Amino acid sequence: MSLFLTSESRVTVDEAVRRTREADAPAVLLDVREQREWDAGHAPGAVYAPLSGLVAGAALPEAARARPLVVICRSGQRSQQAAELLVAQGAQVVDVKGGMRAWAAAGYPVVDDHGNSGSIA
């Protein structure tokens, strides 16, 4: 397995949503932004694992272990870094082109931890 992601390893927000809603083995949407960004708003059902923690060796949250992952950040740069790191650890990973900016622009919901309408920080 290559440690470098290819263009096929990057998906649109529509493809990300499709992958997380598959009937058989749905992927986990893994948000790798930092705490302030997560608190401002994230995709409903996303699992939080900041890139800084992953780089420091933090384990994936239980909900994301041994599952296909769709990694998202604000714009798509950090998600690429996280995806490369996770691929090197043997995970099945794609990242979202355009990140949460593209997510919100496509009209998908952004919520805070209380389920209220959130924003992209």
Protein backbone atom coordinates (compact mmCIF):
# COMPACT_ATOMS: atom_id res chain seq x y z
CA MET A 1 0.00 0.00 0.00
CA SER A 2 1.32 3.40 -0.96
CA LEU A 3 1.88 5.94 1.75
CA PHE A 4 0.84 8.67 -0.67
CA LEU A 5 -2.75 9.38 -1.48
CA THR A 6 -3.90 9.64 -5.06
CA SER A 7 -6.60 11.77 -6.64
CA GLU A 8 -8.92 8.78 -6.15
CA SER A 9 -8.28 9.10 -2.41
CA ARG A 10 -9.99 12.49 -2.38
CA VAL A 11 -13.76 12.66 -2.55
CA THR A 12 -16.41 15.33 -2.97
CA VAL A 13 -18.74 16.15 -0.10
CA ASP A 14 -21.55 14.33 -1.90
CA GLU A 15 -19.39 11.19 -2.11
CA ALA A 16 -18.41 11.63 1.56
CA VAL A 17 -22.07 11.69 2.56
CA ARG A 18 -22.80 8.65 0.39
CA ARG A 19 -19.94 6.70 1.98
CA THR A 20 -21.09 7.53 5.50
CA ARG A 21 -24.63 6.38 4.70
CA GLU A 22 -23.82 3.05 3.03
CA ALA A 23 -25.95 0.20 4.31
CA ASP A 24 -23.01 -2.21 4.57
CA ALA A 25 -20.08 -0.91 6.62
CA PRO A 26 -20.70 2.82 6.52
CA ALA A 27 -17.58 4.97 6.79
CA VAL A 28 -16.96 7.23 9.76
CA LEU A 29 -16.68 10.96 9.08
CA LEU A 30 -13.55 11.89 11.04
CA ASP A 31 -13.13 15.62 11.74
CA VAL A 32 -9.46 16.49 12.29
CA ARG A 33 -9.82 20.23 12.97
CA GLU A 34 -8.84 21.70 16.31
CA GLN A 35 -11.14 22.10 19.33
CA ARG A 36 -12.17 25.72 18.63
CA GLU A 37 -13.19 24.79 15.09
CA TRP A 38 -15.07 21.66 16.22
CA ASP A 39 -16.91 23.64 18.90
CA ALA A 40 -18.04 26.26 16.36
CA GLY A 41 -19.65 23.63 14.18
CA HIS A 42 -19.23 20.21 12.63
CA ALA A 43 -21.12 17.71 10.54
CA PRO A 44 -23.81 15.80 12.46
CA GLY A 45 -22.51 12.38 13.47
CA ALA A 46 -18.85 13.25 12.83
CA VAL A 47 -16.22 11.84 15.18
CA TYR A 48 -13.63 14.28 16.54
CA ALA A 49 -9.90 13.47 16.37
CA PRO A 50 -7.72 16.58 15.92
CA LEU A 51 -4.74 16.29 13.61
CA SER A 52 -2.46 17.60 16.36
CA GLY A 53 -3.44 14.63 18.53
CA LEU A 54 -3.01 12.11 15.72
CA VAL A 55 0.45 13.50 14.91
CA ALA A 56 1.33 13.23 18.62
CA GLY A 57 0.35 9.56 18.59
CA ALA A 58 -3.15 9.71 20.05
CA ALA A 59 -5.30 6.69 19.30
CA LEU A 60 -8.36 7.03 17.15
CA PRO A 61 -11.62 7.33 19.09
CA GLU A 62 -13.28 3.94 19.58
CA ALA A 63 -16.07 4.80 17.14
CA ALA A 64 -13.53 5.23 14.33
CA ARG A 65 -11.41 2.12 14.88
CA ALA A 66 -11.42 -0.67 12.31
CA ARG A 67 -13.87 1.25 10.09
CA PRO A 68 -13.47 2.96 6.73
CA LEU A 69 -12.73 6.65 7.33
CA VAL A 70 -13.71 9.82 5.50
CA VAL A 71 -11.46 12.54 6.88
CA ILE A 72 -12.50 16.20 6.86
CA CYS A 73 -10.98 19.49 8.02
CA ARG A 74 -11.75 23.12 7.20
CA SER A 75 -10.40 23.32 3.65
CA GLY A 76 -8.89 19.94 2.78
CA GLN A 77 -5.23 20.41 3.66
CA ARG A 78 -5.09 18.95 7.16
CA SER A 79 -7.40 16.13 6.13
CA GLN A 80 -4.84 15.12 3.49
CA GLN A 81 -2.11 15.05 6.16
CA ALA A 82 -4.31 13.03 8.51
CA ALA A 83 -5.29 10.63 5.73
CA GLU A 84 -1.63 9.99 4.86
CA LEU A 85 -0.84 9.35 8.52
CA LEU A 86 -3.79 6.98 8.90
CA VAL A 87 -3.03 5.13 5.65
CA ALA A 88 0.50 4.53 6.96
CA GLN A 89 -1.15 2.93 10.02
CA GLY A 90 -3.17 0.62 7.79
CA ALA A 91 -6.51 2.43 7.80
CA GLN A 92 -8.86 2.59 4.81
CA VAL A 93 -9.11 6.35 4.26
CA VAL A 94 -10.29 9.04 1.86
CA ASP A 95 -10.36 12.76 2.52
CA VAL A 96 -12.88 15.40 1.55
CA LYS A 97 -11.92 17.95 -1.11
CA GLY A 98 -12.71 21.43 0.13
CA GLY A 99 -13.40 20.27 3.69
CA MET A 100 -16.10 21.79 5.87
CA ARG A 101 -16.19 24.88 3.67
CA ALA A 102 -17.35 22.71 0.76
CA TRP A 103 -19.66 20.77 3.10
CA ALA A 104 -21.48 23.94 4.17
CA ALA A 105 -21.47 25.40 0.64
CA ALA A 106 -23.18 22.22 -0.61
CA GLY A 107 -25.97 22.81 1.90
CA TYR A 108 -25.17 20.01 4.32
CA PRO A 109 -25.90 20.78 7.97
CA VAL A 110 -23.34 22.15 10.41
CA VAL A 111 -24.18 21.81 14.11
CA ASP A 112 -22.64 22.50 17.48
CA ASP A 113 -22.41 19.93 20.30
CA HIS A 114 -25.99 20.75 21.33
CA GLY A 115 -27.43 20.15 17.85
CA ASN A 116 -27.94 23.85 17.20
CA SER A 117 -26.95 25.43 13.91
CA GLY A 118 -23.19 25.88 13.89
CA SER A 119 -20.64 27.71 11.79
CA ILE A 120 -17.31 27.03 10.14
CA ALA A 121 -14.55 28.68 12.20
